[in-house]
Amino acid sequence: MIKLDNKLLKLILSGPQFAHWNNAEIGSHLKFIRNSDKFERALYHCLSYFHS
């Protein structure tokens, strides 16, 4: 599960000129809660380009 502020989510969904998923991740604005230690590379790549 990934937790983030609702305002940040709105900015990310507004497009890359406002906020980008990679910047939120690098800036430690996301909280990851993992139930297992399995790394899903395909999911990671999809989230890296998460903007409208």
PDB file of N, CA and C in Angstrom:
ATOM      1  N   MET A   1       0.845  -1.161   0.000  1.00  0.00           N
ATOM      2  CA  MET A   1       0.000   0.000   0.000  1.00  0.00           C
ATOM      3  C   MET A   1       0.899   1.234   0.000  1.00  0.00           C
ATOM      4  N   ILE A   2       0.450   2.252  -0.678  1.00  0.00           N
ATOM      5  CA  ILE A   2       1.201   3.500  -0.743  1.00  0.00           C
ATOM      6  C   ILE A   2       0.308   4.611  -0.190  1.00  0.00           C
ATOM      7  N   LYS A   3       0.834   5.355   0.761  1.00  0.00           N
ATOM      8  CA  LYS A   3       0.091   6.469   1.337  1.00  0.00           C
ATOM      9  C   LYS A   3       0.736   7.783   0.918  1.00  0.00           C
ATOM     10  N   LEU A   4      -0.113   8.757   0.580  1.00  0.00           N
ATOM     11  CA  LEU A   4       0.379  10.087   0.264  1.00  0.00           C
ATOM     12  C   LEU A   4      -0.721  11.091   0.540  1.00  0.00           C
ATOM     13  N   ASP A   5      -0.333  12.342   0.655  1.00  0.00           N
ATOM     14  CA  ASP A   5      -1.261  13.415   0.944  1.00  0.00           C
ATOM     15  C   ASP A   5      -2.237  13.595  -0.223  1.00  0.00           C
ATOM     16  N   ASN A   6      -3.499  13.866   0.077  1.00  0.00           N
ATOM     17  CA  ASN A   6      -4.512  14.041  -0.966  1.00  0.00           C
ATOM     18  C   ASN A   6      -4.176  15.192  -1.908  1.00  0.00           C
ATOM     19  N   LYS A   7      -3.598  16.263  -1.384  1.00  0.00           N
ATOM     20  CA  LYS A   7      -3.223  17.406  -2.230  1.00  0.00           C
ATOM     21  C   LYS A   7      -2.135  17.007  -3.224  1.00  0.00           C
ATOM     22  N   LEU A   8      -1.187  16.209  -2.760  1.00  0.00           N
ATOM     23  CA  LEU A   8      -0.119  15.748  -3.647  1.00  0.00           C
ATOM     24  C   LEU A   8      -0.684  14.836  -4.729  1.00  0.00           C
ATOM     25  N   LEU A   9      -1.592  13.955  -4.363  1.00  0.00           N
ATOM     26  CA  LEU A   9      -2.222  13.074  -5.359  1.00  0.00           C
ATOM     27  C   LEU A   9      -2.939  13.896  -6.422  1.00  0.00           C
ATOM     28  N   LYS A  10      -3.651  14.935  -6.002  1.00  0.00           N
ATOM     29  CA  LYS A  10      -4.347  15.796  -6.963  1.00  0.00           C
ATOM     30  C   LYS A  10      -3.356  16.471  -7.914  1.00  0.00           C
ATOM     31  N   LEU A  11      -2.226  16.931  -7.380  1.00  0.00           N
ATOM     32  CA  LEU A  11      -1.210  17.565  -8.225  1.00  0.00           C
ATOM     33  C   LEU A  11      -0.609  16.576  -9.220  1.00  0.00           C
ATOM     34  N   ILE A  12      -0.343  15.358  -8.760  1.00  0.00           N
ATOM     35  CA  ILE A  12       0.211  14.330  -9.651  1.00  0.00           C
ATOM     36  C   ILE A  12      -0.776  14.014 -10.765  1.00  0.00           C
ATOM     37  N   LEU A  13      -2.048  13.911 -10.428  1.00  0.00           N
ATOM     38  CA  LEU A  13      -3.065  13.615 -11.432  1.00  0.00           C
ATOM     39  C   LEU A  13      -3.326  14.798 -12.361  1.00  0.00           C
ATOM     40  N   SER A  14      -2.941  16.002 -11.935  1.00  0.00           N
ATOM     41  CA  SER A  14      -3.127  17.197 -12.765  1.00  0.00           C
ATOM     42  C   SER A  14      -2.116  17.276 -13.907  1.00  0.00           C
ATOM     43  N   GLY A  15      -1.040  16.543 -13.791  1.00  0.00           N
ATOM     44  CA  GLY A  15      -0.063  16.522 -14.873  1.00  0.00           C
ATOM     45  C   GLY A  15       1.337  16.830 -14.390  1.00  0.00           C
ATOM     46  N   PRO A  16       2.327  16.526 -15.225  1.00  0.00           N
ATOM     47  CA  PRO A  16       3.720  16.663 -14.815  1.00  0.00           C
ATOM     48  C   PRO A  16       4.180  18.107 -14.613  1.00  0.00           C
ATOM     49  N   GLN A  17       3.450  19.087 -15.110  1.00  0.00           N
ATOM     50  CA  GLN A  17       3.862  20.459 -14.862  1.00  0.00           C
ATOM     51  C   GLN A  17       3.581  20.871 -13.414  1.00  0.00           C
ATOM     52  N   PHE A  18       2.749  20.104 -12.697  1.00  0.00           N
ATOM     53  CA  PHE A  18       2.437  20.397 -11.300  1.00  0.00           C
ATOM     54  C   PHE A  18       3.228  19.511 -10.339  1.00  0.00           C
ATOM     55  N   ALA A  19       3.228  18.218 -10.590  1.00  0.00           N
ATOM     56  CA  ALA A  19       3.963  17.263  -9.745  1.00  0.00           C
ATOM     57  C   ALA A  19       4.130  15.964 -10.523  1.00  0.00           C
ATOM     58  N   HIS A  20       5.156  15.221 -10.180  1.00  0.00           N
ATOM     59  CA  HIS A  20       5.438  13.962 -10.868  1.00  0.00           C
ATOM     60  C   HIS A  20       5.688  12.882  -9.828  1.00  0.00           C
ATOM     61  N   TRP A  21       5.256  11.672 -10.124  1.00  0.00           N
ATOM     62  CA  TRP A  21       5.385  10.555  -9.190  1.00  0.00           C
ATOM     63  C   TRP A  21       6.833  10.342  -8.766  1.00  0.00           C
ATOM     64  N   ASN A  22       7.774  10.398  -9.715  1.00  0.00           N
ATOM     65  CA  ASN A  22       9.187  10.186  -9.390  1.00  0.00           C
ATOM     66  C   ASN A  22       9.690  11.211  -8.385  1.00  0.00           C
ATOM     67  N   ASN A  23       9.302  12.468  -8.547  1.00  0.00           N
ATOM     68  CA  ASN A  23       9.737  13.504  -7.614  1.00  0.00           C
ATOM     69  C   ASN A  23       9.154  13.287  -6.223  1.00  0.00           C
ATOM     70  N   ALA A  24       7.914  12.838  -6.159  1.00  0.00           N
ATOM     71  CA  ALA A  24       7.294  12.562  -4.863  1.00  0.00           C
ATOM     72  C   ALA A  24       8.012  11.402  -4.165  1.00  0.00           C
ATOM     73  N   GLU A  25       8.399  10.405  -4.950  1.00  0.00           N
ATOM     74  CA  GLU A  25       9.107   9.256  -4.374  1.00  0.00           C
ATOM     75  C   GLU A  25      10.511   9.639  -3.919  1.00  0.00           C
ATOM     76  N   ILE A  26      11.233  10.363  -4.742  1.00  0.00           N
ATOM     77  CA  ILE A  26      12.596  10.775  -4.403  1.00  0.00           C
ATOM     78  C   ILE A  26      12.589  11.709  -3.199  1.00  0.00           C
ATOM     79  N   GLY A  27      11.573  12.565  -3.111  1.00  0.00           N
ATOM     80  CA  GLY A  27      11.470  13.513  -2.004  1.00  0.00           C
ATOM     81  C   GLY A  27      10.907  12.916  -0.730  1.00  0.00           C
ATOM     82  N   SER A  28      10.690  11.615  -0.701  1.00  0.00           N
ATOM     83  CA  SER A  28      10.183  10.899   0.471  1.00  0.00           C
ATOM     84  C   SER A  28       8.817  11.405   0.916  1.00  0.00           C
ATOM     85  N   HIS A  29       7.959  11.749  -0.048  1.00  0.00           N
ATOM     86  CA  HIS A  29       6.604  12.185   0.263  1.00  0.00           C
ATOM     87  C   HIS A  29       5.616  11.024   0.224  1.00  0.00           C
ATOM     88  N   LEU A  30       6.102   9.838  -0.097  1.00  0.00           N
ATOM     89  CA  LEU A  30       5.270   8.646  -0.167  1.00  0.00           C
ATOM     90  C   LEU A  30       5.651   7.696   0.960  1.00  0.00           C
ATOM     91  N   LYS A  31       4.644   7.048   1.526  1.00  0.00           N
ATOM     92  CA  LYS A  31       4.907   6.050   2.561  1.00  0.00           C
ATOM     93  C   LYS A  31       4.485   4.693   2.017  1.00  0.00           C
ATOM     94  N   PHE A  32       5.448   3.781   1.928  1.00  0.00           N
ATOM     95  CA  PHE A  32       5.203   2.444   1.410  1.00  0.00           C
ATOM     96  C   PHE A  32       5.005   1.476   2.565  1.00  0.00           C
ATOM     97  N   ILE A  33       3.922   0.719   2.495  1.00  0.00           N
ATOM     98  CA  ILE A  33       3.658  -0.332   3.480  1.00  0.00           C
ATOM     99  C   ILE A  33       3.619  -1.643   2.702  1.00  0.00           C
ATOM    100  N   ARG A  34       4.570  -2.519   3.001  1.00  0.00           N
ATOM    101  CA  ARG A  34       4.690  -3.778   2.255  1.00  0.00           C
ATOM    102  C   ARG A  34       4.325  -4.954   3.139  1.00  0.00           C
ATOM    103  N   ASN A  35       3.517  -5.843   2.576  1.00  0.00           N
ATOM    104  CA  ASN A  35       3.153  -7.064   3.284  1.00  0.00           C
ATOM    105  C   ASN A  35       4.134  -8.189   2.990  1.00  0.00           C
ATOM    106  N   SER A  36       4.857  -8.056   1.904  1.00  0.00           N
ATOM    107  CA  SER A  36       5.895  -9.022   1.558  1.00  0.00           C
ATOM    108  C   SER A  36       7.076  -8.255   0.980  1.00  0.00           C
ATOM    109  N   ASP A  37       8.194  -8.917   0.876  1.00  0.00           N
ATOM    110  CA  ASP A  37       9.387  -8.261   0.351  1.00  0.00           C
ATOM    111  C   ASP A  37       9.568  -8.503  -1.148  1.00  0.00           C
ATOM    112  N   LYS A  38       8.505  -8.880  -1.827  1.00  0.00           N
ATOM    113  CA  LYS A  38       8.588  -9.169  -3.251  1.00  0.00           C
ATOM    114  C   LYS A  38       8.581  -7.854  -4.042  1.00  0.00           C
ATOM    115  N   PHE A  39       9.582  -7.670  -4.889  1.00  0.00           N
ATOM    116  CA  PHE A  39       9.708  -6.470  -5.710  1.00  0.00           C
ATOM    117  C   PHE A  39       9.050  -6.712  -7.056  1.00  0.00           C
ATOM    118  N   GLU A  40       8.041  -5.923  -7.382  1.00  0.00           N
ATOM    119  CA  GLU A  40       7.338  -6.034  -8.658  1.00  0.00           C
ATOM    120  C   GLU A  40       7.881  -4.972  -9.614  1.00  0.00           C
ATOM    121  N   ARG A  41       8.838  -5.359 -10.441  1.00  0.00           N
ATOM    122  CA  ARG A  41       9.497  -4.407 -11.340  1.00  0.00           C
ATOM    123  C   ARG A  41       8.499  -3.754 -12.304  1.00  0.00           C
ATOM    124  N   ALA A  42       7.569  -4.523 -12.860  1.00  0.00           N
ATOM    125  CA  ALA A  42       6.608  -3.972 -13.816  1.00  0.00           C
ATOM    126  C   ALA A  42       5.731  -2.909 -13.152  1.00  0.00           C
ATOM    127  N   LEU A  43       5.292  -3.163 -11.943  1.00  0.00           N
ATOM    128  CA  LEU A  43       4.477  -2.187 -11.217  1.00  0.00           C
ATOM    129  C   LEU A  43       5.283  -0.937 -10.912  1.00  0.00           C
ATOM    130  N   TYR A  44       6.543  -1.109 -10.535  1.00  0.00           N
ATOM    131  CA  TYR A  44       7.414   0.034 -10.259  1.00  0.00           C
ATOM    132  C   TYR A  44       7.557   0.922 -11.502  1.00  0.00           C
ATOM    133  N   HIS A  45       7.757   0.306 -12.661  1.00  0.00           N
ATOM    134  CA  HIS A  45       7.904   1.074 -13.894  1.00  0.00           C
ATOM    135  C   HIS A  45       6.600   1.785 -14.260  1.00  0.00           C
ATOM    136  N   CYS A  46       5.467   1.155 -14.025  1.00  0.00           N
ATOM    137  CA  CYS A  46       4.178   1.802 -14.300  1.00  0.00           C
ATOM    138  C   CYS A  46       3.992   3.031 -13.415  1.00  0.00           C
ATOM    139  N   LEU A  47       4.313   2.919 -12.145  1.00  0.00           N
ATOM    140  CA  LEU A  47       4.159   4.043 -11.223  1.00  0.00           C
ATOM    141  C   LEU A  47       5.135   5.173 -11.548  1.00  0.00           C
ATOM    142  N   SER A  48       6.275   4.843 -12.127  1.00  0.00           N
ATOM    143  CA  SER A  48       7.258   5.871 -12.472  1.00  0.00           C
ATOM    144  C   SER A  48       6.724   6.843 -13.521  1.00  0.00           C
ATOM    145  N   TYR A  49       5.775   6.400 -14.310  1.00  0.00           N
ATOM    146  CA  TYR A  49       5.213   7.252 -15.354  1.00  0.00           C
ATOM    147  C   TYR A  49       3.765   7.622 -15.043  1.00  0.00           C
ATOM    148  N   PHE A  50       3.435   7.681 -13.760  1.00  0.00           N
ATOM    149  CA  PHE A  50       2.068   7.939 -13.316  1.00  0.00           C
ATOM    150  C   PHE A  50       1.794   9.446 -13.311  1.00  0.00           C
ATOM    151  N   HIS A  51       1.251   9.926 -14.403  1.00  0.00           N
ATOM    152  CA  HIS A  51       0.759  11.301 -14.507  1.00  0.00           C
ATOM    153  C   HIS A  51      -0.184  11.348 -15.687  1.00  0.00           C
ATOM    154  N   SER A  52      -0.981  12.381 -15.743  1.00  0.00           N
ATOM    155  CA  SER A  52      -1.956  12.458 -16.841  1.00  0.00           C
ATOM    156  C   SER A  52      -1.430  13.291 -17.989  1.00  0.00           C
TER     157      SER A  52
END
